[in-house]
Amino acid sequence: MPTPTPHPPARHRPLAVCAALMAGLFVLCGIAMAVDGRTLLGESVWAKPMKFGFAFALYSGTLAWLLTRLEKGRRLAWWAGTVFAVATTAEVGAITVQAARGTISHFNADRSDPTTLALVPVLTLGVMVIVLAQLVVGIVVLVQRTGGRDLNRAIRAGIGLATAGMLIPVYWMVTGIHARTVTDANGNEIPMYQGHGIGDPDGHGMPVTNWSVTGGDFRVPHFFALHGIQVLLVLTVALTALSARHVRLRDERVRARLVGAVALGYSGLVAVVTWQAGRGQSLIHPDGPTLAAFAVVLLAAAAATVRVVVTARRASLPEAVLPGAAGSAPQNKCIAK
């Protein structure tokens, strides 16, 4: 008899290890920020690896869980997840090394520093590999059902948002070149070919995130889109928990429609902040058209949510009270007499 093909392990160890490493980095960078006063482009040298550690700990952990839910294409998704974990570890590792050295990681065009020259391919190719691995996982997720209707909808919409979130900065990096020179934490002049800001390449200033307050910033849509899957998964869990107390939520179709309404609104939010950043506008300084776009998205999401709630309420009403329902005809006949 032929030997059966072994299935991938239930738990994706490479992604789990990656998530643990990123969580550990987040903690270590927090400690380093407290004892190391060096700054780079207006923030602690440890702020960037700390933020990357937080983001990838959350996302790698989510992917590790997601890959256990797959029924089709599990082997392909397992290898894509492994590539994602390795590329992420290498990428964030290079960022951390540059942070410890007090110099720029991404967009660094300094050809006089051998360490930077060695790390630039990791930083450049790492992003591309992460995006491609994400695309493969996204395709695998789209061709199957990974659970109930509500969970399936949350996962599909979340993976779509995350993929868009990874493509947004890649698009900006290859379409906009803003060469200039900045000073690193060691006082060295570092040539750069790009920046996070739009309109003001090195704009910064927002608390914690350091997103630009003087122009657009592609890190804004990147962040919102990347973490949309966590928002939708938390919503799914919350709706399932509430279904124990609310009869209408016990219908899987109702929960799925509510998830869809929120996913619609969240996608609109990502679209608006992407448009806003592309126009060189800070997230905290929206103009009239931006506020109008936010209002349209909010109203559309609210209308979709209300429609789901009203439809579910009507469907849950007893048949006897519905017009034309069985049992209502005899009562009407008595009245007529």
C-alpha atoms as a PDB file:
ATOM      1  CA  MET A   1       0.000   0.000   0.000  1.00  0.00           C
ATOM      2  CA  PRO A   2       1.298   3.520  -0.792  1.00  0.00           C
ATOM      3  CA  THR A   3       2.428   5.565   2.155  1.00  0.00           C
ATOM      4  CA  PRO A   4      -0.131   8.310   2.904  1.00  0.00           C
ATOM      5  CA  THR A   5       1.063  11.844   2.433  1.00  0.00           C
ATOM      6  CA  PRO A   6       1.631  13.433   5.855  1.00  0.00           C
ATOM      7  CA  HIS A   7      -0.426  16.477   6.662  1.00  0.00           C
ATOM      8  CA  PRO A   8       1.185  19.690   7.857  1.00  0.00           C
ATOM      9  CA  PRO A   9       1.314  19.973  11.656  1.00  0.00           C
ATOM     10  CA  ALA A  10      -1.800  21.296  13.390  1.00  0.00           C
ATOM     11  CA  ARG A  11       0.195  24.218  14.731  1.00  0.00           C
ATOM     12  CA  HIS A  12       2.379  26.227  12.382  1.00  0.00           C
ATOM     13  CA  ARG A  13       5.622  26.224  14.372  1.00  0.00           C
ATOM     14  CA  PRO A  14       7.610  28.704  12.214  1.00  0.00           C
ATOM     15  CA  LEU A  15       4.871  31.342  12.512  1.00  0.00           C
ATOM     16  CA  ALA A  16       4.395  30.602  16.208  1.00  0.00           C
ATOM     17  CA  VAL A  17       8.138  31.016  16.811  1.00  0.00           C
ATOM     18  CA  CYS A  18       8.127  34.210  14.716  1.00  0.00           C
ATOM     19  CA  ALA A  19       5.248  35.613  16.778  1.00  0.00           C
ATOM     20  CA  ALA A  20       7.068  34.772  20.017  1.00  0.00           C
ATOM     21  CA  LEU A  21      10.291  36.412  18.791  1.00  0.00           C
ATOM     22  CA  MET A  22       8.417  39.544  17.738  1.00  0.00           C
ATOM     23  CA  ALA A  23       6.645  39.745  21.100  1.00  0.00           C
ATOM     24  CA  GLY A  24       9.977  39.383  22.874  1.00  0.00           C
ATOM     25  CA  LEU A  25      11.481  42.110  20.693  1.00  0.00           C
ATOM     26  CA  PHE A  26       8.596  44.418  21.554  1.00  0.00           C
ATOM     27  CA  VAL A  27       9.331  44.015  25.267  1.00  0.00           C
ATOM     28  CA  LEU A  28      13.102  44.382  24.874  1.00  0.00           C
ATOM     29  CA  CYS A  29      12.726  47.529  22.764  1.00  0.00           C
ATOM     30  CA  GLY A  30      10.450  49.010  25.384  1.00  0.00           C
ATOM     31  CA  ILE A  31      13.165  48.458  27.989  1.00  0.00           C
ATOM     32  CA  ALA A  32      15.835  49.833  25.640  1.00  0.00           C
ATOM     33  CA  MET A  33      13.808  53.008  25.069  1.00  0.00           C
ATOM     34  CA  ALA A  34      13.820  53.632  28.815  1.00  0.00           C
ATOM     35  CA  VAL A  35      17.634  53.445  29.130  1.00  0.00           C
ATOM     36  CA  ASP A  36      18.825  54.641  25.714  1.00  0.00           C
ATOM     37  CA  GLY A  37      18.122  58.292  24.935  1.00  0.00           C
ATOM     38  CA  ARG A  38      19.335  58.283  21.327  1.00  0.00           C
ATOM     39  CA  THR A  39      16.871  59.577  18.729  1.00  0.00           C
ATOM     40  CA  LEU A  40      16.524  59.037  15.006  1.00  0.00           C
ATOM     41  CA  LEU A  41      14.293  61.210  12.812  1.00  0.00           C
ATOM     42  CA  GLY A  42      12.535  62.604  15.861  1.00  0.00           C
ATOM     43  CA  GLU A  43      11.884  59.395  17.808  1.00  0.00           C
ATOM     44  CA  SER A  44      13.808  56.832  19.846  1.00  0.00           C
ATOM     45  CA  VAL A  45      16.139  54.628  17.812  1.00  0.00           C
ATOM     46  CA  TRP A  46      14.222  51.666  19.304  1.00  0.00           C
ATOM     47  CA  ALA A  47      10.761  52.900  18.350  1.00  0.00           C
ATOM     48  CA  LYS A  48      10.777  51.405  14.850  1.00  0.00           C
ATOM     49  CA  PRO A  49      11.777  47.829  15.797  1.00  0.00           C
ATOM     50  CA  MET A  50       9.358  48.051  18.717  1.00  0.00           C
ATOM     51  CA  LYS A  51       6.446  48.925  16.418  1.00  0.00           C
ATOM     52  CA  PHE A  52       7.449  46.245  13.902  1.00  0.00           C
ATOM     53  CA  GLY A  53       7.692  43.720  16.735  1.00  0.00           C
ATOM     54  CA  PHE A  54       4.182  44.542  17.929  1.00  0.00           C
ATOM     55  CA  ALA A  55       2.645  44.474  14.440  1.00  0.00           C
ATOM     56  CA  PHE A  56       4.260  41.211  13.337  1.00  0.00           C
ATOM     57  CA  ALA A  57       3.676  39.472  16.680  1.00  0.00           C
ATOM     58  CA  LEU A  58      -0.019  40.147  16.235  1.00  0.00           C
ATOM     59  CA  TYR A  59      -0.169  39.277  12.542  1.00  0.00           C
ATOM     60  CA  SER A  60       2.112  36.200  12.650  1.00  0.00           C
ATOM     61  CA  GLY A  61       0.059  34.851  15.543  1.00  0.00           C
ATOM     62  CA  THR A  62      -3.125  35.412  13.535  1.00  0.00           C
ATOM     63  CA  LEU A  63      -1.677  33.626  10.482  1.00  0.00           C
ATOM     64  CA  ALA A  64      -0.458  30.733  12.654  1.00  0.00           C
ATOM     65  CA  TRP A  65      -4.034  30.261  13.883  1.00  0.00           C
ATOM     66  CA  LEU A  66      -5.566  30.762  10.441  1.00  0.00           C
ATOM     67  CA  LEU A  67      -3.461  28.063   8.783  1.00  0.00           C
ATOM     68  CA  THR A  68      -4.870  25.498  11.228  1.00  0.00           C
ATOM     69  CA  ARG A  69      -8.350  26.208   9.839  1.00  0.00           C
ATOM     70  CA  LEU A  70      -7.577  25.354   6.214  1.00  0.00           C
ATOM     71  CA  GLU A  71      -8.942  22.256   4.479  1.00  0.00           C
ATOM     72  CA  LYS A  72      -7.704  22.837   0.922  1.00  0.00           C
ATOM     73  CA  GLY A  73      -4.178  23.754  -0.123  1.00  0.00           C
ATOM     74  CA  ARG A  74      -2.830  23.208   3.380  1.00  0.00           C
ATOM     75  CA  ARG A  75       0.650  22.204   2.237  1.00  0.00           C
ATOM     76  CA  LEU A  76       1.025  25.211  -0.068  1.00  0.00           C
ATOM     77  CA  ALA A  77      -0.241  27.534   2.654  1.00  0.00           C
ATOM     78  CA  TRP A  78       2.092  25.910   5.199  1.00  0.00           C
ATOM     79  CA  TRP A  79       5.129  26.611   3.033  1.00  0.00           C
ATOM     80  CA  ALA A  80       3.937  30.138   2.276  1.00  0.00           C
ATOM     81  CA  GLY A  81       3.546  30.697   6.017  1.00  0.00           C
ATOM     82  CA  THR A  82       7.065  29.387   6.601  1.00  0.00           C
ATOM     83  CA  VAL A  83       8.475  31.751   3.981  1.00  0.00           C
ATOM     84  CA  PHE A  84       6.521  34.585   5.591  1.00  0.00           C
ATOM     85  CA  ALA A  85       7.949  33.751   9.033  1.00  0.00           C
ATOM     86  CA  VAL A  86      11.553  33.525   7.807  1.00  0.00           C
ATOM     87  CA  ALA A  87      11.331  36.709   5.723  1.00  0.00           C
ATOM     88  CA  THR A  88       9.676  38.595   8.584  1.00  0.00           C
ATOM     89  CA  THR A  89      12.334  37.500  11.063  1.00  0.00           C
ATOM     90  CA  ALA A  90      15.115  38.537   8.681  1.00  0.00           C
ATOM     91  CA  GLU A  91      13.444  41.867   7.874  1.00  0.00           C
ATOM     92  CA  VAL A  92      12.802  42.863  11.482  1.00  0.00           C
ATOM     93  CA  GLY A  93      16.220  41.540  12.477  1.00  0.00           C
ATOM     94  CA  ALA A  94      17.881  43.886   9.987  1.00  0.00           C
ATOM     95  CA  ILE A  95      15.770  46.795  11.260  1.00  0.00           C
ATOM     96  CA  THR A  96      16.850  46.001  14.829  1.00  0.00           C
ATOM     97  CA  VAL A  97      20.542  45.832  13.904  1.00  0.00           C
ATOM     98  CA  GLN A  98      20.351  49.232  12.231  1.00  0.00           C
ATOM     99  CA  ALA A  99      18.464  50.648  15.208  1.00  0.00           C
ATOM    100  CA  ALA A 100      21.144  49.402  17.601  1.00  0.00           C
ATOM    101  CA  ARG A 101      23.729  51.092  15.371  1.00  0.00           C
ATOM    102  CA  GLY A 102      21.729  54.322  15.514  1.00  0.00           C
ATOM    103  CA  THR A 103      21.235  54.605  11.777  1.00  0.00           C
ATOM    104  CA  ILE A 104      18.556  54.343   9.081  1.00  0.00           C
ATOM    105  CA  SER A 105      17.181  50.966   7.978  1.00  0.00           C
ATOM    106  CA  HIS A 106      14.702  51.417   5.095  1.00  0.00           C
ATOM    107  CA  PHE A 107      15.481  53.881   2.290  1.00  0.00           C
ATOM    108  CA  ASN A 108      19.161  54.092   3.332  1.00  0.00           C
ATOM    109  CA  ALA A 109      21.288  54.869   0.254  1.00  0.00           C
ATOM    110  CA  ASP A 110      24.634  55.095   2.088  1.00  0.00           C
ATOM    111  CA  ARG A 111      27.172  53.086   0.066  1.00  0.00           C
ATOM    112  CA  SER A 112      30.103  53.888   2.346  1.00  0.00           C
ATOM    113  CA  ASP A 113      28.878  51.688   5.205  1.00  0.00           C
ATOM    114  CA  PRO A 114      29.562  47.947   4.644  1.00  0.00           C
ATOM    115  CA  THR A 115      26.954  46.854   7.221  1.00  0.00           C
ATOM    116  CA  THR A 116      24.254  48.918   5.550  1.00  0.00           C
ATOM    117  CA  LEU A 117      25.273  47.564   2.150  1.00  0.00           C
ATOM    118  CA  ALA A 118      24.931  44.018   3.481  1.00  0.00           C
ATOM    119  CA  LEU A 119      21.511  44.669   5.031  1.00  0.00           C
ATOM    120  CA  VAL A 120      19.895  46.681   2.209  1.00  0.00           C
ATOM    121  CA  PRO A 121      19.119  43.531   0.125  1.00  0.00           C
ATOM    122  CA  VAL A 122      17.467  41.948   3.188  1.00  0.00           C
ATOM    123  CA  LEU A 123      15.387  45.057   3.803  1.00  0.00           C
ATOM    124  CA  THR A 124      14.443  45.456   0.150  1.00  0.00           C
ATOM    125  CA  LEU A 125      13.850  41.847  -0.883  1.00  0.00           C
ATOM    126  CA  GLY A 126      12.334  40.963   2.486  1.00  0.00           C
ATOM    127  CA  VAL A 127       9.358  43.226   1.844  1.00  0.00           C
ATOM    128  CA  MET A 128       8.751  41.647  -1.568  1.00  0.00           C
ATOM    129  CA  VAL A 129       8.983  38.106  -0.198  1.00  0.00           C
ATOM    130  CA  ILE A 130       6.572  38.918   2.646  1.00  0.00           C
ATOM    131  CA  VAL A 131       4.065  40.378   0.183  1.00  0.00           C
ATOM    132  CA  LEU A 132       4.285  37.375  -2.170  1.00  0.00           C
ATOM    133  CA  ALA A 133       3.873  34.907   0.698  1.00  0.00           C
ATOM    134  CA  GLN A 134       0.854  36.893   1.876  1.00  0.00           C
ATOM    135  CA  LEU A 135      -0.648  36.753  -1.614  1.00  0.00           C
ATOM    136  CA  VAL A 136      -0.286  32.959  -1.716  1.00  0.00           C
ATOM    137  CA  VAL A 137      -1.978  32.585   1.676  1.00  0.00           C
ATOM    138  CA  GLY A 138      -4.716  34.955   0.533  1.00  0.00           C
ATOM    139  CA  ILE A 139      -5.414  32.924  -2.609  1.00  0.00           C
ATOM    140  CA  VAL A 140      -5.575  29.679  -0.636  1.00  0.00           C
ATOM    141  CA  VAL A 141      -8.022  31.228   1.840  1.00  0.00           C
ATOM    142  CA  LEU A 142     -10.284  32.513  -0.938  1.00  0.00           C
ATOM    143  CA  VAL A 143     -10.831  29.068  -2.498  1.00  0.00           C
ATOM    144  CA  GLN A 144     -12.314  27.416   0.558  1.00  0.00           C
ATOM    145  CA  ARG A 145     -14.549  27.703   3.585  1.00  0.00           C
ATOM    146  CA  THR A 146     -12.624  27.848   6.835  1.00  0.00           C
ATOM    147  CA  GLY A 147     -15.536  27.717   9.265  1.00  0.00           C
ATOM    148  CA  GLY A 148     -19.024  29.130   9.677  1.00  0.00           C
ATOM    149  CA  ARG A 149     -20.345  31.835   7.381  1.00  0.00           C
ATOM    150  CA  ASP A 150     -19.479  34.631   9.790  1.00  0.00           C
ATOM    151  CA  LEU A 151     -15.937  33.413  10.455  1.00  0.00           C
ATOM    152  CA  ASN A 152     -15.377  32.671   6.791  1.00  0.00           C
ATOM    153  CA  ARG A 153     -16.449  36.176   5.816  1.00  0.00           C
ATOM    154  CA  ALA A 154     -14.236  37.760   8.486  1.00  0.00           C
ATOM    155  CA  ILE A 155     -11.197  35.779   7.365  1.00  0.00           C
ATOM    156  CA  ARG A 156     -11.680  36.480   3.665  1.00  0.00           C
ATOM    157  CA  ALA A 157     -12.259  40.200   4.141  1.00  0.00           C
ATOM    158  CA  GLY A 158      -9.409  40.429   6.648  1.00  0.00           C
ATOM    159  CA  ILE A 159      -6.908  38.664   4.404  1.00  0.00           C
ATOM    160  CA  GLY A 160      -7.953  40.901   1.508  1.00  0.00           C
ATOM    161  CA  LEU A 161      -7.421  44.001   3.632  1.00  0.00           C
ATOM    162  CA  ALA A 162      -4.055  42.755   4.906  1.00  0.00           C
ATOM    163  CA  THR A 163      -2.863  42.040   1.371  1.00  0.00           C
ATOM    164  CA  ALA A 164      -3.878  45.535   0.290  1.00  0.00           C
ATOM    165  CA  GLY A 165      -2.100  46.929   3.345  1.00  0.00           C
ATOM    166  CA  MET A 166       1.138  45.285   2.298  1.00  0.00           C
ATOM    167  CA  LEU A 167       0.853  46.411  -1.311  1.00  0.00           C
ATOM    168  CA  ILE A 168       0.238  50.077  -0.450  1.00  0.00           C
ATOM    169  CA  PRO A 169       3.773  50.830   0.838  1.00  0.00           C
ATOM    170  CA  VAL A 170       5.332  48.775  -1.971  1.00  0.00           C
ATOM    171  CA  TYR A 171       3.453  50.885  -4.513  1.00  0.00           C
ATOM    172  CA  TRP A 172       4.630  54.089  -2.858  1.00  0.00           C
ATOM    173  CA  MET A 173       8.243  52.934  -2.647  1.00  0.00           C
ATOM    174  CA  VAL A 174       8.458  52.166  -6.357  1.00  0.00           C
ATOM    175  CA  THR A 175       6.497  55.151  -7.669  1.00  0.00           C
ATOM    176  CA  GLY A 176       7.793  58.058  -5.587  1.00  0.00           C
ATOM    177  CA  ILE A 177      11.474  58.959  -5.227  1.00  0.00           C
ATOM    178  CA  HIS A 178      12.459  61.710  -2.784  1.00  0.00           C
ATOM    179  CA  ALA A 179      16.244  61.777  -2.519  1.00  0.00           C
ATOM    180  CA  ARG A 180      17.641  63.826   0.351  1.00  0.00           C
ATOM    181  CA  THR A 181      20.118  63.694   3.241  1.00  0.00           C
ATOM    182  CA  VAL A 182      19.276  63.224   6.925  1.00  0.00           C
ATOM    183  CA  THR A 183      21.326  63.003  10.124  1.00  0.00           C
ATOM    184  CA  ASP A 184      21.348  59.740  12.073  1.00  0.00           C
ATOM    185  CA  ALA A 185      21.758  59.251  15.829  1.00  0.00           C
ATOM    186  CA  ASN A 186      25.546  59.262  15.480  1.00  0.00           C
ATOM    187  CA  GLY A 187      25.642  62.639  13.745  1.00  0.00           C
ATOM    188  CA  ASN A 188      26.433  61.086  10.351  1.00  0.00           C
ATOM    189  CA  GLU A 189      24.878  62.445   7.146  1.00  0.00           C
ATOM    190  CA  ILE A 190      22.876  59.633   5.534  1.00  0.00           C
ATOM    191  CA  PRO A 191      21.581  59.852   1.942  1.00  0.00           C
ATOM    192  CA  MET A 192      18.035  58.527   1.510  1.00  0.00           C
ATOM    193  CA  TYR A 193      16.011  57.796  -1.614  1.00  0.00           C
ATOM    194  CA  GLN A 194      12.530  57.685  -0.067  1.00  0.00           C
ATOM    195  CA  GLY A 195      10.544  58.388   3.086  1.00  0.00           C
ATOM    196  CA  HIS A 196       7.299  57.495   4.814  1.00  0.00           C
ATOM    197  CA  GLY A 197       5.775  60.922   4.371  1.00  0.00           C
ATOM    198  CA  ILE A 198       3.894  62.176   1.323  1.00  0.00           C
ATOM    199  CA  GLY A 199       4.328  65.859   0.688  1.00  0.00           C
ATOM    200  CA  ASP A 200       6.806  65.967   3.559  1.00  0.00           C
ATOM    201  CA  PRO A 201       9.008  62.847   3.193  1.00  0.00           C
ATOM    202  CA  ASP A 202      10.260  62.927   6.787  1.00  0.00           C
ATOM    203  CA  GLY A 203       7.092  64.208   8.395  1.00  0.00           C
ATOM    204  CA  HIS A 204       6.440  62.975  11.904  1.00  0.00           C
ATOM    205  CA  GLY A 205       4.954  64.106  15.185  1.00  0.00           C
ATOM    206  CA  MET A 206       1.926  61.999  16.161  1.00  0.00           C
ATOM    207  CA  PRO A 207       2.262  60.409  19.618  1.00  0.00           C
ATOM    208  CA  VAL A 208       3.249  56.707  19.701  1.00  0.00           C
ATOM    209  CA  THR A 209       2.899  56.107  15.940  1.00  0.00           C
ATOM    210  CA  ASN A 210       5.035  59.106  14.881  1.00  0.00           C
ATOM    211  CA  TRP A 211       2.860  59.434  11.782  1.00  0.00           C
ATOM    212  CA  SER A 212       3.239  62.709   9.953  1.00  0.00           C
ATOM    213  CA  VAL A 213       1.389  65.800  11.150  1.00  0.00           C
ATOM    214  CA  THR A 214       2.790  67.914   8.314  1.00  0.00           C
ATOM    215  CA  GLY A 215       1.724  65.789   5.331  1.00  0.00           C
ATOM    216  CA  GLY A 216       0.404  62.432   4.227  1.00  0.00           C
ATOM    217  CA  ASP A 217       1.887  59.183   5.519  1.00  0.00           C
ATOM    218  CA  PHE A 218       1.506  55.783   3.833  1.00  0.00           C
ATOM    219  CA  ARG A 219       2.013  54.058   7.189  1.00  0.00           C
ATOM    220  CA  VAL A 220      -1.556  55.083   8.079  1.00  0.00           C
ATOM    221  CA  PRO A 221      -3.410  52.941   5.476  1.00  0.00           C
ATOM    222  CA  HIS A 222      -0.744  50.255   5.904  1.00  0.00           C
ATOM    223  CA  PHE A 223      -1.545  49.979   9.629  1.00  0.00           C
ATOM    224  CA  PHE A 224      -5.331  50.082   9.304  1.00  0.00           C
ATOM    225  CA  ALA A 225      -5.431  47.560   6.449  1.00  0.00           C
ATOM    226  CA  LEU A 226      -2.911  45.157   8.010  1.00  0.00           C
ATOM    227  CA  HIS A 227      -4.833  44.867  11.259  1.00  0.00           C
ATOM    228  CA  GLY A 228      -8.336  44.756   9.803  1.00  0.00           C
ATOM    229  CA  ILE A 229      -8.381  40.967  10.137  1.00  0.00           C
ATOM    230  CA  GLN A 230      -7.943  41.209  13.910  1.00  0.00           C
ATOM    231  CA  VAL A 231     -10.831  43.693  14.123  1.00  0.00           C
ATOM    232  CA  LEU A 232     -13.135  41.403  12.143  1.00  0.00           C
ATOM    233  CA  LEU A 233     -12.127  38.278  14.059  1.00  0.00           C
ATOM    234  CA  VAL A 234     -12.777  40.007  17.394  1.00  0.00           C
ATOM    235  CA  LEU A 235     -16.163  41.127  16.052  1.00  0.00           C
ATOM    236  CA  THR A 236     -16.995  37.542  15.054  1.00  0.00           C
ATOM    237  CA  VAL A 237     -16.112  36.252  18.513  1.00  0.00           C
ATOM    238  CA  ALA A 238     -18.159  39.024  20.139  1.00  0.00           C
ATOM    239  CA  LEU A 239     -21.230  38.296  17.987  1.00  0.00           C
ATOM    240  CA  THR A 240     -20.981  34.587  18.776  1.00  0.00           C
ATOM    241  CA  ALA A 241     -20.786  35.347  22.501  1.00  0.00           C
ATOM    242  CA  LEU A 242     -23.768  37.728  22.292  1.00  0.00           C
ATOM    243  CA  SER A 243     -25.836  35.107  20.478  1.00  0.00           C
ATOM    244  CA  ALA A 244     -26.332  33.328  23.819  1.00  0.00           C
ATOM    245  CA  ARG A 245     -28.411  36.298  24.993  1.00  0.00           C
ATOM    246  CA  HIS A 246     -29.870  37.583  21.720  1.00  0.00           C
ATOM    247  CA  VAL A 247     -31.967  35.142  19.723  1.00  0.00           C
ATOM    248  CA  ARG A 248     -31.551  36.947  16.404  1.00  0.00           C
ATOM    249  CA  LEU A 249     -27.760  36.508  16.532  1.00  0.00           C
ATOM    250  CA  ARG A 250     -28.092  32.729  16.745  1.00  0.00           C
ATOM    251  CA  ASP A 251     -28.665  32.676  13.014  1.00  0.00           C
ATOM    252  CA  GLU A 252     -25.242  32.280  11.385  1.00  0.00           C
ATOM    253  CA  ARG A 253     -26.471  34.197   8.340  1.00  0.00           C
ATOM    254  CA  VAL A 254     -27.321  37.242  10.455  1.00  0.00           C
ATOM    255  CA  ARG A 255     -23.881  37.248  12.064  1.00  0.00           C
ATOM    256  CA  ALA A 256     -22.259  36.884   8.640  1.00  0.00           C
ATOM    257  CA  ARG A 257     -24.229  39.861   7.289  1.00  0.00           C
ATOM    258  CA  LEU A 258     -23.220  41.993  10.264  1.00  0.00           C
ATOM    259  CA  VAL A 259     -19.569  41.058   9.724  1.00  0.00           C
ATOM    260  CA  GLY A 260     -20.012  41.963   6.062  1.00  0.00           C
ATOM    261  CA  ALA A 261     -21.464  45.369   6.967  1.00  0.00           C
ATOM    262  CA  VAL A 262     -18.526  46.149   9.252  1.00  0.00           C
ATOM    263  CA  ALA A 263     -16.055  44.856   6.662  1.00  0.00           C
ATOM    264  CA  LEU A 264     -17.656  47.189   4.116  1.00  0.00           C
ATOM    265  CA  GLY A 265     -17.238  50.146   6.441  1.00  0.00           C
ATOM    266  CA  TYR A 266     -13.689  49.184   7.389  1.00  0.00           C
ATOM    267  CA  SER A 267     -12.695  48.802   3.726  1.00  0.00           C
ATOM    268  CA  GLY A 268     -14.155  52.235   3.068  1.00  0.00           C
ATOM    269  CA  LEU A 269     -12.097  53.620   5.960  1.00  0.00           C
ATOM    270  CA  VAL A 270      -8.912  52.153   4.462  1.00  0.00           C
ATOM    271  CA  ALA A 271      -9.803  53.589   1.058  1.00  0.00           C
ATOM    272  CA  VAL A 272     -10.380  57.065   2.527  1.00  0.00           C
ATOM    273  CA  VAL A 273      -7.153  57.171   4.572  1.00  0.00           C
ATOM    274  CA  THR A 274      -5.232  55.916   1.518  1.00  0.00           C
ATOM    275  CA  TRP A 275      -6.734  58.688  -0.599  1.00  0.00           C
ATOM    276  CA  GLN A 276      -6.060  61.197   2.167  1.00  0.00           C
ATOM    277  CA  ALA A 277      -2.398  60.181   2.513  1.00  0.00           C
ATOM    278  CA  GLY A 278      -1.914  60.184  -1.245  1.00  0.00           C
ATOM    279  CA  ARG A 279      -3.008  63.837  -1.323  1.00  0.00           C
ATOM    280  CA  GLY A 280      -0.283  64.721   1.182  1.00  0.00           C
ATOM    281  CA  GLN A 281      -2.739  65.267   4.038  1.00  0.00           C
ATOM    282  CA  SER A 282      -2.145  64.318   7.666  1.00  0.00           C
ATOM    283  CA  LEU A 283      -4.618  61.932   9.294  1.00  0.00           C
ATOM    284  CA  ILE A 284      -5.372  64.462  12.057  1.00  0.00           C
ATOM    285  CA  HIS A 285      -5.849  67.406   9.676  1.00  0.00           C
ATOM    286  CA  PRO A 286      -8.629  66.290   7.304  1.00  0.00           C
ATOM    287  CA  ASP A 287     -10.130  68.799   4.899  1.00  0.00           C
ATOM    288  CA  GLY A 288     -13.755  69.096   3.756  1.00  0.00           C
ATOM    289  CA  PRO A 289     -13.642  66.411   1.028  1.00  0.00           C
ATOM    290  CA  THR A 290     -11.955  63.958   3.397  1.00  0.00           C
ATOM    291  CA  LEU A 291     -14.570  64.544   6.118  1.00  0.00           C
ATOM    292  CA  ALA A 292     -17.311  64.123   3.528  1.00  0.00           C
ATOM    293  CA  ALA A 293     -15.792  60.821   2.390  1.00  0.00           C
ATOM    294  CA  PHE A 294     -15.589  59.604   6.009  1.00  0.00           C
ATOM    295  CA  ALA A 295     -19.261  60.562   6.467  1.00  0.00           C
ATOM    296  CA  VAL A 296     -20.328  58.638   3.350  1.00  0.00           C
ATOM    297  CA  VAL A 297     -18.469  55.534   4.547  1.00  0.00           C
ATOM    298  CA  LEU A 298     -19.985  55.806   8.023  1.00  0.00           C
ATOM    299  CA  LEU A 299     -23.524  56.256   6.685  1.00  0.00           C
ATOM    300  CA  ALA A 300     -23.154  53.341   4.242  1.00  0.00           C
ATOM    301  CA  ALA A 301     -21.884  51.024   6.978  1.00  0.00           C
ATOM    302  CA  ALA A 302     -24.609  52.179   9.373  1.00  0.00           C
ATOM    303  CA  ALA A 303     -27.324  51.698   6.746  1.00  0.00           C
ATOM    304  CA  ALA A 304     -26.078  48.186   5.959  1.00  0.00           C
ATOM    305  CA  THR A 305     -26.016  47.322   9.667  1.00  0.00           C
ATOM    306  CA  VAL A 306     -29.517  48.685  10.301  1.00  0.00           C
ATOM    307  CA  ARG A 307     -30.875  46.764   7.333  1.00  0.00           C
ATOM    308  CA  VAL A 308     -29.426  43.506   8.693  1.00  0.00           C
ATOM    309  CA  VAL A 309     -30.878  44.168  12.162  1.00  0.00           C
ATOM    310  CA  VAL A 310     -34.335  45.086  10.828  1.00  0.00           C
ATOM    311  CA  THR A 311     -34.439  42.085   8.491  1.00  0.00           C
ATOM    312  CA  ALA A 312     -33.389  39.751  11.301  1.00  0.00           C
ATOM    313  CA  ARG A 313     -36.048  41.209  13.596  1.00  0.00           C
ATOM    314  CA  ARG A 314     -38.790  40.669  11.036  1.00  0.00           C
ATOM    315  CA  ALA A 315     -37.641  37.107  10.414  1.00  0.00           C
ATOM    316  CA  SER A 316     -37.769  36.354  14.150  1.00  0.00           C
ATOM    317  CA  LEU A 317     -41.375  37.573  14.616  1.00  0.00           C
ATOM    318  CA  PRO A 318     -43.995  34.838  15.194  1.00  0.00           C
ATOM    319  CA  GLU A 319     -45.729  33.786  12.006  1.00  0.00           C
ATOM    320  CA  ALA A 320     -49.147  34.594  13.489  1.00  0.00           C
ATOM    321  CA  VAL A 321     -48.525  38.310  13.601  1.00  0.00           C
ATOM    322  CA  LEU A 322     -47.255  38.611  10.051  1.00  0.00           C
ATOM    323  CA  PRO A 323     -49.685  39.831   7.352  1.00  0.00           C
ATOM    324  CA  GLY A 324     -51.107  36.934   5.420  1.00  0.00           C
ATOM    325  CA  ALA A 325     -49.513  34.389   7.747  1.00  0.00           C
ATOM    326  CA  ALA A 326     -51.172  31.114   8.610  1.00  0.00           C
ATOM    327  CA  GLY A 327     -53.627  31.526  11.461  1.00  0.00           C
ATOM    328  CA  SER A 328     -54.455  35.156  10.684  1.00  0.00           C
ATOM    329  CA  ALA A 329     -57.136  34.366   8.106  1.00  0.00           C
ATOM    330  CA  PRO A 330     -59.643  32.788  10.531  1.00  0.00           C
ATOM    331  CA  GLN A 331     -59.342  35.773  12.849  1.00  0.00           C
ATOM    332  CA  ASN A 332     -60.061  38.161   9.952  1.00  0.00           C
ATOM    333  CA  LYS A 333     -63.105  36.126   8.976  1.00  0.00           C
ATOM    334  CA  CYS A 334     -64.528  36.426  12.479  1.00  0.00           C
ATOM    335  CA  ILE A 335     -64.102  40.129  12.376  1.00  0.00           C
ATOM    336  CA  ALA A 336     -65.851  40.315   9.025  1.00  0.00           C
ATOM    337  CA  LYS A 337     -68.849  38.485  10.421  1.00  0.00           C
END
